[in-house]
Amino acid sequence: MVLNCLDCKAKACKSSGADCFDLHGISREVYARNDVNRMVKNSSKLVDGGRAGELSRFQEVIEFCRLQHYQNVGIAYCYGLENIATEVRNKLVDAGVGVIPARCTMGGVKERHIDEEKNTEAISCNPAGQAHFLNTRADFVLELGLCLGHDVVFHQELNVPFTVMLVKDRVYAHAPLEGIHNYERDTEMLNAAR
C-alpha cells in the first residue's frame, strides 16, 4: 500500500504525531539548525496567538524581514510587472527595508543564445542571471511574477531564502487559485474554440 496524505482519513500526523514516512528524525535535525530554528520561530510569531488572518501576506513579509533582520531584500521580477515591482520596492523602503531589484532581462542574454532554434535578436528572460546576481547581494528574495519554467530555473539556482509574492497568471489577474476553481469550465471553452 502506498501512503497518500490526501487520501488519508486518520490524519494522525496532525492528531497524534504519527510519522508515516519516517521523517521525524531528519526534520528535527533540520529544525535544530540555528538559521532554520530562528526562521520557524519568527514565522510562528506572524500567526500564533490568534494572529493568523490579521496581516496581509505583504504585511507578513515586511514583519518577517524585520524579525529576521534582513538588510538587503531582493525583488526578482518580470519586466511586464515592473509597475508592481516599483510599488513593492517603494513600500518596502518606506517600511525601512533595503531593496535590491533584479529585472528578468538583466544580463542582456539573447534568446538565440539560450535556444538555438530561435533566430532572433530579442533579449530573453534570464532567471539564472537573476538568481546569481541576488545570491551575492540579498539576504532574502521576493519573487514577483516570473514565468512558469523561468521560476523553476530561478529556484534551482537561488541559494538564499525566498518567498513567492506573486504568481503570474495572465488570465486571472495573477490569482492562479481562480484557474484551479474554473479549470473544467476553462478547458471546455478552450476545447470548444479549437
N, C-alpha and C. Protein backbone atom coordinates (compact mmCIF):
# COMPACT_ATOMS: atom_id res chain seq x y z
N MET A 1 0.85 -1.19 0.00
CA MET A 1 0.00 0.00 0.00
C MET A 1 0.89 1.24 0.00
N VAL A 2 0.58 2.15 -0.88
CA VAL A 2 1.30 3.41 -0.96
C VAL A 2 0.55 4.44 -0.12
N LEU A 3 1.28 5.08 0.78
CA LEU A 3 0.65 6.09 1.62
C LEU A 3 0.44 7.37 0.81
N ASN A 4 -0.68 8.03 1.04
CA ASN A 4 -1.04 9.23 0.31
C ASN A 4 -1.75 10.17 1.27
N CYS A 5 -1.14 11.30 1.52
CA CYS A 5 -1.70 12.24 2.51
C CYS A 5 -3.11 12.70 2.16
N LEU A 6 -3.38 12.92 0.88
CA LEU A 6 -4.71 13.41 0.51
C LEU A 6 -5.80 12.37 0.76
N ASP A 7 -5.45 11.09 0.60
CA ASP A 7 -6.44 10.04 0.78
C ASP A 7 -6.52 9.51 2.21
N CYS A 8 -5.64 9.97 3.07
CA CYS A 8 -5.62 9.51 4.46
C CYS A 8 -6.85 10.05 5.19
N LYS A 9 -7.56 9.15 5.86
CA LYS A 9 -8.74 9.56 6.64
C LYS A 9 -8.37 9.92 8.08
N ALA A 10 -7.34 9.28 8.61
CA ALA A 10 -6.99 9.46 10.02
C ALA A 10 -6.31 10.79 10.30
N LYS A 11 -5.49 11.26 9.36
CA LYS A 11 -4.71 12.49 9.56
C LYS A 11 -3.98 12.43 10.90
N ALA A 12 -3.44 11.25 11.22
CA ALA A 12 -2.82 11.00 12.52
C ALA A 12 -1.54 11.81 12.71
N CYS A 13 -0.95 12.29 11.65
CA CYS A 13 0.24 13.14 11.81
C CYS A 13 -0.15 14.40 12.59
N LYS A 14 -1.30 14.94 12.31
CA LYS A 14 -1.78 16.16 12.98
C LYS A 14 -2.40 15.85 14.33
N SER A 15 -3.18 14.77 14.40
CA SER A 15 -3.92 14.50 15.65
C SER A 15 -3.07 13.83 16.73
N SER A 16 -2.11 12.99 16.33
CA SER A 16 -1.36 12.26 17.37
C SER A 16 0.15 12.19 17.11
N GLY A 17 0.63 12.90 16.11
CA GLY A 17 2.07 12.92 15.85
C GLY A 17 2.60 11.69 15.15
N ALA A 18 1.75 10.97 14.43
CA ALA A 18 2.20 9.78 13.70
C ALA A 18 3.23 10.17 12.63
N ASP A 19 4.19 9.28 12.39
CA ASP A 19 5.26 9.53 11.42
C ASP A 19 5.23 8.45 10.35
N CYS A 20 4.32 8.54 9.43
CA CYS A 20 4.10 7.51 8.41
C CYS A 20 5.25 7.39 7.41
N PHE A 21 6.06 8.43 7.27
CA PHE A 21 7.09 8.45 6.24
C PHE A 21 8.50 8.49 6.82
N ASP A 22 8.64 8.23 8.10
CA ASP A 22 9.94 8.23 8.77
C ASP A 22 10.67 9.56 8.56
N LEU A 23 9.97 10.65 8.80
CA LEU A 23 10.52 12.00 8.62
C LEU A 23 10.89 12.69 9.92
N HIS A 24 10.44 12.15 11.03
CA HIS A 24 10.61 12.84 12.31
C HIS A 24 12.07 13.17 12.61
N GLY A 25 12.94 12.20 12.47
CA GLY A 25 14.35 12.39 12.82
C GLY A 25 15.03 13.43 11.96
N ILE A 26 14.92 13.32 10.66
CA ILE A 26 15.58 14.29 9.76
C ILE A 26 14.98 15.67 9.93
N SER A 27 13.68 15.74 10.15
CA SER A 27 13.03 17.03 10.35
C SER A 27 13.57 17.71 11.60
N ARG A 28 13.69 16.96 12.68
CA ARG A 28 14.22 17.53 13.93
C ARG A 28 15.65 18.02 13.74
N GLU A 29 16.44 17.30 12.95
CA GLU A 29 17.82 17.73 12.68
C GLU A 29 17.83 19.07 11.95
N VAL A 30 16.96 19.22 10.96
CA VAL A 30 16.89 20.47 10.21
C VAL A 30 16.47 21.61 11.13
N TYR A 31 15.42 21.39 11.92
CA TYR A 31 14.91 22.46 12.79
C TYR A 31 15.87 22.80 13.94
N ALA A 32 16.83 21.93 14.21
CA ALA A 32 17.82 22.21 15.25
C ALA A 32 18.89 23.19 14.76
N ARG A 33 19.00 23.35 13.45
CA ARG A 33 19.97 24.32 12.92
C ARG A 33 19.51 25.72 13.30
N ASN A 34 20.44 26.54 13.79
CA ASN A 34 20.09 27.87 14.28
C ASN A 34 19.35 28.73 13.27
N ASP A 35 19.81 28.74 12.00
CA ASP A 35 19.17 29.59 11.00
C ASP A 35 17.74 29.16 10.73
N VAL A 36 17.52 27.87 10.66
CA VAL A 36 16.17 27.36 10.38
C VAL A 36 15.29 27.55 11.62
N ASN A 37 15.83 27.27 12.79
CA ASN A 37 15.06 27.40 14.02
C ASN A 37 14.58 28.83 14.20
N ARG A 38 15.47 29.78 13.95
CA ARG A 38 15.11 31.20 14.09
C ARG A 38 14.03 31.59 13.08
N MET A 39 14.16 31.07 11.85
CA MET A 39 13.17 31.39 10.81
C MET A 39 11.80 30.83 11.18
N VAL A 40 11.77 29.61 11.69
CA VAL A 40 10.49 28.99 12.07
C VAL A 40 9.87 29.74 13.25
N LYS A 41 10.68 30.11 14.22
CA LYS A 41 10.15 30.86 15.36
C LYS A 41 9.59 32.21 14.92
N ASN A 42 10.31 32.88 14.04
CA ASN A 42 9.84 34.19 13.58
C ASN A 42 8.58 34.07 12.71
N SER A 43 8.49 33.03 11.90
CA SER A 43 7.27 32.86 11.10
C SER A 43 6.08 32.53 12.00
N SER A 44 6.34 31.81 13.07
CA SER A 44 5.26 31.50 14.03
C SER A 44 4.72 32.76 14.69
N LYS A 45 5.59 33.73 14.90
CA LYS A 45 5.15 34.98 15.53
C LYS A 45 4.10 35.71 14.67
N LEU A 46 4.07 35.40 13.38
CA LEU A 46 3.12 36.05 12.47
C LEU A 46 1.72 35.46 12.56
N VAL A 47 1.62 34.23 13.07
CA VAL A 47 0.31 33.56 13.08
C VAL A 47 -0.13 33.04 14.43
N ASP A 48 0.80 32.85 15.36
CA ASP A 48 0.44 32.29 16.67
C ASP A 48 -0.36 33.30 17.50
N GLY A 49 -1.03 32.79 18.50
CA GLY A 49 -1.76 33.64 19.43
C GLY A 49 -2.91 34.38 18.80
N GLY A 50 -3.54 33.76 17.79
CA GLY A 50 -4.69 34.40 17.16
C GLY A 50 -4.36 35.41 16.08
N ARG A 51 -3.08 35.51 15.69
CA ARG A 51 -2.70 36.50 14.68
C ARG A 51 -2.99 36.03 13.26
N ALA A 52 -3.21 34.75 13.06
CA ALA A 52 -3.48 34.25 11.70
C ALA A 52 -4.67 34.99 11.12
N GLY A 53 -4.50 35.54 9.94
CA GLY A 53 -5.57 36.29 9.30
C GLY A 53 -5.60 37.76 9.67
N GLU A 54 -4.69 38.18 10.53
CA GLU A 54 -4.63 39.58 10.95
C GLU A 54 -3.85 40.44 9.95
N LEU A 55 -2.79 39.85 9.37
CA LEU A 55 -1.92 40.57 8.45
C LEU A 55 -2.10 40.06 7.03
N SER A 56 -2.02 40.96 6.06
CA SER A 56 -1.97 40.52 4.66
C SER A 56 -0.64 39.84 4.42
N ARG A 57 -0.51 39.14 3.31
CA ARG A 57 0.77 38.48 3.00
C ARG A 57 1.88 39.52 2.90
N PHE A 58 1.61 40.67 2.31
CA PHE A 58 2.64 41.69 2.18
C PHE A 58 3.04 42.24 3.55
N GLN A 59 2.08 42.43 4.42
CA GLN A 59 2.39 42.87 5.79
C GLN A 59 3.23 41.81 6.51
N GLU A 60 2.88 40.55 6.30
CA GLU A 60 3.68 39.47 6.88
C GLU A 60 5.12 39.52 6.38
N VAL A 61 5.29 39.75 5.09
CA VAL A 61 6.64 39.82 4.52
C VAL A 61 7.45 40.92 5.20
N ILE A 62 6.87 42.09 5.33
CA ILE A 62 7.58 43.21 5.96
C ILE A 62 7.93 42.88 7.41
N GLU A 63 6.98 42.35 8.15
CA GLU A 63 7.23 41.99 9.54
C GLU A 63 8.28 40.88 9.63
N PHE A 64 8.22 39.90 8.75
CA PHE A 64 9.19 38.81 8.74
C PHE A 64 10.59 39.34 8.45
N CYS A 65 10.71 40.27 7.51
CA CYS A 65 12.02 40.88 7.22
C CYS A 65 12.58 41.58 8.44
N ARG A 66 11.72 42.25 9.17
CA ARG A 66 12.17 42.92 10.40
C ARG A 66 12.62 41.90 11.45
N LEU A 67 11.80 40.87 11.66
CA LEU A 67 12.12 39.85 12.66
C LEU A 67 13.42 39.12 12.32
N GLN A 68 13.65 38.90 11.04
CA GLN A 68 14.85 38.20 10.59
C GLN A 68 16.07 39.13 10.46
N HIS A 69 15.84 40.41 10.60
CA HIS A 69 16.90 41.42 10.46
C HIS A 69 17.52 41.40 9.06
N TYR A 70 16.68 41.21 8.05
CA TYR A 70 17.18 41.24 6.68
C TYR A 70 17.49 42.68 6.29
N GLN A 71 18.69 42.91 5.83
CA GLN A 71 19.13 44.25 5.41
C GLN A 71 18.92 44.49 3.92
N ASN A 72 19.05 43.43 3.13
CA ASN A 72 19.00 43.54 1.68
C ASN A 72 18.01 42.52 1.12
N VAL A 73 16.85 43.00 0.74
CA VAL A 73 15.81 42.12 0.20
C VAL A 73 15.79 42.26 -1.32
N GLY A 74 16.02 41.17 -2.00
CA GLY A 74 15.97 41.17 -3.45
C GLY A 74 14.54 41.07 -3.95
N ILE A 75 14.28 41.71 -5.07
CA ILE A 75 13.00 41.56 -5.76
C ILE A 75 13.31 41.02 -7.14
N ALA A 76 13.01 39.75 -7.37
CA ALA A 76 13.18 39.14 -8.68
C ALA A 76 11.84 39.27 -9.40
N TYR A 77 11.81 40.05 -10.48
CA TYR A 77 10.53 40.35 -11.10
C TYR A 77 10.58 40.24 -12.61
N CYS A 78 9.40 40.06 -13.19
CA CYS A 78 9.21 40.04 -14.63
C CYS A 78 9.09 41.49 -15.11
N TYR A 79 9.71 41.78 -16.25
CA TYR A 79 9.65 43.16 -16.77
C TYR A 79 8.22 43.62 -17.02
N GLY A 80 7.32 42.69 -17.30
CA GLY A 80 5.92 43.05 -17.53
C GLY A 80 5.21 43.50 -16.25
N LEU A 81 5.84 43.25 -15.12
CA LEU A 81 5.26 43.64 -13.83
C LEU A 81 6.11 44.70 -13.14
N GLU A 82 6.82 45.49 -13.93
CA GLU A 82 7.73 46.48 -13.35
C GLU A 82 6.99 47.52 -12.51
N ASN A 83 5.77 47.88 -12.89
CA ASN A 83 5.00 48.84 -12.08
C ASN A 83 4.71 48.27 -10.69
N ILE A 84 4.36 46.99 -10.65
CA ILE A 84 4.10 46.35 -9.35
C ILE A 84 5.39 46.24 -8.56
N ALA A 85 6.48 45.87 -9.23
CA ALA A 85 7.77 45.76 -8.55
C ALA A 85 8.19 47.11 -7.98
N THR A 86 7.93 48.17 -8.71
CA THR A 86 8.25 49.52 -8.22
C THR A 86 7.42 49.84 -6.98
N GLU A 87 6.14 49.50 -7.01
CA GLU A 87 5.28 49.74 -5.85
C GLU A 87 5.75 48.94 -4.64
N VAL A 88 6.12 47.68 -4.87
CA VAL A 88 6.62 46.84 -3.77
C VAL A 88 7.91 47.44 -3.22
N ARG A 89 8.82 47.83 -4.11
CA ARG A 89 10.07 48.43 -3.66
C ARG A 89 9.82 49.67 -2.81
N ASN A 90 8.97 50.55 -3.30
CA ASN A 90 8.71 51.79 -2.58
C ASN A 90 8.12 51.53 -1.20
N LYS A 91 7.22 50.58 -1.11
CA LYS A 91 6.58 50.28 0.18
C LYS A 91 7.56 49.59 1.13
N LEU A 92 8.43 48.74 0.60
CA LEU A 92 9.45 48.13 1.45
C LEU A 92 10.42 49.18 1.99
N VAL A 93 10.84 50.07 1.11
CA VAL A 93 11.77 51.14 1.52
C VAL A 93 11.10 52.03 2.57
N ASP A 94 9.83 52.38 2.34
CA ASP A 94 9.10 53.19 3.33
C ASP A 94 9.01 52.48 4.69
N ALA A 95 9.02 51.13 4.66
CA ALA A 95 8.95 50.36 5.90
C ALA A 95 10.35 50.13 6.50
N GLY A 96 11.36 50.72 5.86
CA GLY A 96 12.72 50.61 6.39
C GLY A 96 13.49 49.39 5.93
N VAL A 97 13.03 48.76 4.87
CA VAL A 97 13.67 47.55 4.34
C VAL A 97 14.51 47.94 3.12
N GLY A 98 15.78 47.53 3.10
CA GLY A 98 16.63 47.77 1.94
C GLY A 98 16.27 46.83 0.80
N VAL A 99 16.31 47.32 -0.44
CA VAL A 99 15.82 46.55 -1.59
C VAL A 99 16.86 46.49 -2.70
N ILE A 100 16.98 45.33 -3.31
CA ILE A 100 17.83 45.12 -4.48
C ILE A 100 16.96 44.54 -5.59
N PRO A 101 16.55 45.37 -6.57
CA PRO A 101 15.71 44.86 -7.66
C PRO A 101 16.53 44.08 -8.69
N ALA A 102 15.91 43.03 -9.25
CA ALA A 102 16.56 42.22 -10.28
C ALA A 102 15.54 41.92 -11.38
N ARG A 103 15.64 42.64 -12.47
CA ARG A 103 14.72 42.51 -13.61
C ARG A 103 15.03 41.22 -14.36
N CYS A 104 14.02 40.60 -14.93
CA CYS A 104 14.21 39.30 -15.60
C CYS A 104 15.14 39.37 -16.81
N THR A 105 15.29 40.52 -17.42
CA THR A 105 16.14 40.62 -18.61
C THR A 105 17.57 41.03 -18.28
N MET A 106 17.90 41.13 -17.00
CA MET A 106 19.26 41.55 -16.63
C MET A 106 20.28 40.60 -17.25
N GLY A 107 21.37 41.16 -17.67
CA GLY A 107 22.40 40.37 -18.33
C GLY A 107 22.33 40.46 -19.84
N GLY A 108 21.19 40.86 -20.36
CA GLY A 108 21.05 41.08 -21.81
C GLY A 108 21.31 39.85 -22.67
N VAL A 109 20.93 38.67 -22.20
CA VAL A 109 21.16 37.44 -22.96
C VAL A 109 20.12 37.33 -24.08
N LYS A 110 20.58 37.11 -25.28
CA LYS A 110 19.66 36.99 -26.42
C LYS A 110 19.00 35.62 -26.43
N GLU A 111 17.76 35.59 -26.91
CA GLU A 111 17.01 34.34 -26.97
C GLU A 111 17.76 33.26 -27.75
N ARG A 112 18.42 33.64 -28.83
CA ARG A 112 19.13 32.65 -29.66
C ARG A 112 20.34 32.05 -28.96
N HIS A 113 20.82 32.71 -27.91
CA HIS A 113 21.93 32.16 -27.14
C HIS A 113 21.47 31.10 -26.14
N ILE A 114 20.19 31.07 -25.87
CA ILE A 114 19.61 30.08 -24.96
C ILE A 114 18.94 28.96 -25.75
N ASP A 115 18.24 29.32 -26.81
CA ASP A 115 17.51 28.37 -27.64
C ASP A 115 17.99 28.51 -29.07
N GLU A 116 18.82 27.56 -29.49
CA GLU A 116 19.42 27.65 -30.83
C GLU A 116 18.41 27.54 -31.97
N GLU A 117 17.19 27.11 -31.66
CA GLU A 117 16.14 27.05 -32.69
C GLU A 117 15.57 28.43 -32.99
N LYS A 118 15.83 29.38 -32.10
CA LYS A 118 15.34 30.75 -32.33
C LYS A 118 16.39 31.54 -33.07
N ASN A 119 15.94 32.29 -34.05
CA ASN A 119 16.85 33.13 -34.83
C ASN A 119 16.39 34.58 -34.67
N THR A 120 16.62 35.10 -33.48
CA THR A 120 16.13 36.43 -33.17
C THR A 120 17.14 37.17 -32.31
N GLU A 121 17.08 38.46 -32.39
CA GLU A 121 17.95 39.30 -31.56
C GLU A 121 17.24 39.73 -30.26
N ALA A 122 16.04 39.21 -30.05
CA ALA A 122 15.27 39.57 -28.86
C ALA A 122 16.01 39.14 -27.60
N ILE A 123 15.89 39.96 -26.58
CA ILE A 123 16.51 39.66 -25.29
C ILE A 123 15.61 38.70 -24.52
N SER A 124 16.22 37.67 -23.98
CA SER A 124 15.49 36.64 -23.24
C SER A 124 15.38 37.01 -21.77
N CYS A 125 14.41 36.41 -21.11
CA CYS A 125 14.40 36.44 -19.66
C CYS A 125 15.60 35.63 -19.19
N ASN A 126 16.15 35.99 -18.06
CA ASN A 126 17.38 35.37 -17.58
C ASN A 126 17.25 35.04 -16.09
N PRO A 127 16.40 34.05 -15.75
CA PRO A 127 16.22 33.72 -14.33
C PRO A 127 17.50 33.22 -13.66
N ALA A 128 18.36 32.54 -14.42
CA ALA A 128 19.63 32.09 -13.84
C ALA A 128 20.48 33.29 -13.46
N GLY A 129 20.49 34.30 -14.32
CA GLY A 129 21.24 35.53 -14.03
C GLY A 129 20.68 36.25 -12.83
N GLN A 130 19.34 36.33 -12.75
CA GLN A 130 18.71 36.97 -11.58
C GLN A 130 19.15 36.27 -10.29
N ALA A 131 19.11 34.94 -10.30
CA ALA A 131 19.47 34.18 -9.11
C ALA A 131 20.93 34.41 -8.73
N HIS A 132 21.81 34.33 -9.70
CA HIS A 132 23.24 34.50 -9.39
C HIS A 132 23.54 35.92 -8.92
N PHE A 133 22.87 36.90 -9.48
CA PHE A 133 23.02 38.28 -9.03
C PHE A 133 22.59 38.42 -7.57
N LEU A 134 21.43 37.86 -7.24
CA LEU A 134 20.88 38.00 -5.89
C LEU A 134 21.60 37.12 -4.87
N ASN A 135 22.16 36.00 -5.31
CA ASN A 135 22.89 35.12 -4.39
C ASN A 135 24.01 35.85 -3.65
N THR A 136 24.61 36.81 -4.30
CA THR A 136 25.76 37.51 -3.70
C THR A 136 25.39 38.85 -3.08
N ARG A 137 24.11 39.23 -3.14
CA ARG A 137 23.72 40.56 -2.69
C ARG A 137 22.56 40.58 -1.70
N ALA A 138 21.70 39.57 -1.73
CA ALA A 138 20.46 39.61 -0.96
C ALA A 138 20.48 38.64 0.22
N ASP A 139 19.82 39.06 1.31
CA ASP A 139 19.62 38.18 2.47
C ASP A 139 18.35 37.34 2.28
N PHE A 140 17.43 37.87 1.50
CA PHE A 140 16.10 37.28 1.32
C PHE A 140 15.58 37.80 0.00
N VAL A 141 14.76 37.01 -0.69
CA VAL A 141 14.27 37.39 -2.01
C VAL A 141 12.76 37.24 -2.08
N LEU A 142 12.12 38.24 -2.69
CA LEU A 142 10.70 38.17 -3.06
C LEU A 142 10.63 37.93 -4.55
N GLU A 143 9.89 36.91 -4.94
CA GLU A 143 9.69 36.64 -6.36
C GLU A 143 8.36 37.24 -6.79
N LEU A 144 8.40 38.00 -7.88
CA LEU A 144 7.19 38.66 -8.39
C LEU A 144 6.96 38.27 -9.85
N GLY A 145 6.11 37.30 -10.08
CA GLY A 145 5.57 37.04 -11.40
C GLY A 145 6.53 36.52 -12.46
N LEU A 146 7.50 35.69 -12.09
CA LEU A 146 8.32 35.08 -13.12
C LEU A 146 7.48 34.06 -13.89
N CYS A 147 7.76 33.91 -15.16
CA CYS A 147 7.02 32.96 -16.00
C CYS A 147 7.24 31.53 -15.52
N LEU A 148 6.27 30.67 -15.78
CA LEU A 148 6.40 29.26 -15.46
C LEU A 148 7.59 28.68 -16.23
N GLY A 149 8.40 27.96 -15.56
CA GLY A 149 9.65 27.44 -16.13
C GLY A 149 10.80 28.34 -15.75
N HIS A 150 10.65 29.63 -15.98
CA HIS A 150 11.67 30.58 -15.53
C HIS A 150 11.75 30.55 -14.01
N ASP A 151 10.58 30.46 -13.35
CA ASP A 151 10.58 30.40 -11.89
C ASP A 151 11.28 29.14 -11.39
N VAL A 152 11.13 28.04 -12.12
CA VAL A 152 11.79 26.79 -11.73
C VAL A 152 13.30 26.94 -11.80
N VAL A 153 13.79 27.50 -12.91
CA VAL A 153 15.24 27.73 -13.05
C VAL A 153 15.71 28.66 -11.94
N PHE A 154 14.96 29.72 -11.69
CA PHE A 154 15.31 30.67 -10.64
C PHE A 154 15.45 29.97 -9.29
N HIS A 155 14.47 29.13 -8.93
CA HIS A 155 14.51 28.42 -7.66
C HIS A 155 15.69 27.46 -7.59
N GLN A 156 15.99 26.81 -8.70
CA GLN A 156 17.11 25.87 -8.71
C GLN A 156 18.45 26.57 -8.52
N GLU A 157 18.57 27.78 -9.01
CA GLU A 157 19.84 28.50 -8.95
C GLU A 157 19.98 29.40 -7.72
N LEU A 158 18.88 29.72 -7.06
CA LEU A 158 18.92 30.64 -5.93
C LEU A 158 19.41 29.92 -4.68
N ASN A 159 20.32 30.55 -3.96
CA ASN A 159 20.90 29.95 -2.76
C ASN A 159 20.57 30.72 -1.48
N VAL A 160 19.64 31.65 -1.55
CA VAL A 160 19.24 32.40 -0.36
C VAL A 160 17.75 32.17 -0.10
N PRO A 161 17.29 32.40 1.13
CA PRO A 161 15.87 32.21 1.42
C PRO A 161 15.01 33.11 0.52
N PHE A 162 13.84 32.59 0.13
CA PHE A 162 12.94 33.36 -0.73
C PHE A 162 11.50 33.00 -0.42
N THR A 163 10.61 33.87 -0.88
CA THR A 163 9.19 33.55 -0.88
C THR A 163 8.60 34.10 -2.18
N VAL A 164 7.53 33.49 -2.62
CA VAL A 164 6.85 33.93 -3.83
C VAL A 164 5.76 34.90 -3.40
N MET A 165 5.89 36.14 -3.86
CA MET A 165 4.92 37.18 -3.51
C MET A 165 3.77 37.21 -4.51
N LEU A 166 4.09 36.91 -5.77
CA LEU A 166 3.07 36.98 -6.81
C LEU A 166 3.36 35.91 -7.85
N VAL A 167 2.36 35.10 -8.16
CA VAL A 167 2.47 34.08 -9.21
C VAL A 167 1.77 34.62 -10.44
N LYS A 168 2.48 34.58 -11.56
CA LYS A 168 1.91 35.12 -12.80
C LYS A 168 0.77 34.23 -13.29
N ASP A 169 -0.36 34.85 -13.55
CA ASP A 169 -1.50 34.21 -14.20
C ASP A 169 -2.14 35.28 -15.05
N ARG A 170 -1.87 35.22 -16.34
CA ARG A 170 -2.32 36.28 -17.26
C ARG A 170 -3.84 36.28 -17.46
N VAL A 171 -4.48 35.15 -17.20
CA VAL A 171 -5.93 35.05 -17.39
C VAL A 171 -6.68 35.60 -16.18
N TYR A 172 -6.17 35.29 -14.99
CA TYR A 172 -6.90 35.62 -13.76
C TYR A 172 -6.20 36.68 -12.92
N ALA A 173 -5.63 37.70 -13.56
CA ALA A 173 -5.03 38.83 -12.84
C ALA A 173 -4.11 38.36 -11.71
N HIS A 174 -3.28 37.37 -12.02
CA HIS A 174 -2.27 36.85 -11.10
C HIS A 174 -2.88 36.22 -9.85
N ALA A 175 -4.01 35.59 -10.03
CA ALA A 175 -4.68 34.85 -8.95
C ALA A 175 -4.92 33.42 -9.42
N PRO A 176 -3.86 32.57 -9.43
CA PRO A 176 -3.98 31.24 -10.02
C PRO A 176 -5.00 30.32 -9.34
N LEU A 177 -5.39 30.63 -8.12
CA LEU A 177 -6.42 29.84 -7.47
C LEU A 177 -7.72 29.85 -8.29
N GLU A 178 -7.99 30.98 -8.95
CA GLU A 178 -9.18 31.06 -9.81
C GLU A 178 -9.09 30.05 -10.96
N GLY A 179 -7.90 29.84 -11.48
CA GLY A 179 -7.72 28.87 -12.55
C GLY A 179 -7.98 27.44 -12.10
N ILE A 180 -7.68 27.17 -10.83
CA ILE A 180 -7.98 25.84 -10.28
C ILE A 180 -9.48 25.68 -10.16
N HIS A 181 -10.15 26.67 -9.57
CA HIS A 181 -11.60 26.60 -9.39
C HIS A 181 -12.35 26.53 -10.71
N ASN A 182 -11.83 27.17 -11.74
CA ASN A 182 -12.52 27.26 -13.03
C ASN A 182 -11.93 26.35 -14.10
N TYR A 183 -11.14 25.37 -13.70
CA TYR A 183 -10.42 24.53 -14.66
C TYR A 183 -11.34 23.84 -15.67
N GLU A 184 -12.39 23.20 -15.19
CA GLU A 184 -13.28 22.45 -16.09
C GLU A 184 -13.93 23.39 -17.10
N ARG A 185 -14.46 24.50 -16.62
CA ARG A 185 -15.11 25.47 -17.50
C ARG A 185 -14.12 26.02 -18.51
N ASP A 186 -12.92 26.40 -18.03
CA ASP A 186 -11.91 26.97 -18.93
C ASP A 186 -11.47 25.95 -19.99
N THR A 187 -11.34 24.69 -19.57
CA THR A 187 -10.93 23.65 -20.51
C THR A 187 -12.00 23.41 -21.56
N GLU A 188 -13.26 23.40 -21.14
CA GLU A 188 -14.37 23.24 -22.09
C GLU A 188 -14.37 24.39 -23.10
N MET A 189 -14.17 25.62 -22.62
CA MET A 189 -14.17 26.78 -23.51
C MET A 189 -12.99 26.72 -24.48
N LEU A 190 -11.85 26.30 -24.01
CA LEU A 190 -10.66 26.19 -24.85
C LEU A 190 -10.87 25.13 -25.92
N ASN A 191 -11.42 23.99 -25.53
CA ASN A 191 -11.68 22.90 -26.49
C ASN A 191 -12.75 23.31 -27.52
N ALA A 192 -13.75 24.04 -27.08
CA ALA A 192 -14.80 24.49 -27.99
C ALA A 192 -14.26 25.48 -29.02
N ALA A 193 -13.26 26.23 -28.63
CA ALA A 193 -12.69 27.24 -29.54
C ALA A 193 -11.76 26.63 -30.60
N ARG A 194 -11.38 25.38 -30.41
CA ARG A 194 -10.45 24.72 -31.36
C ARG A 194 -11.15 24.19 -32.56
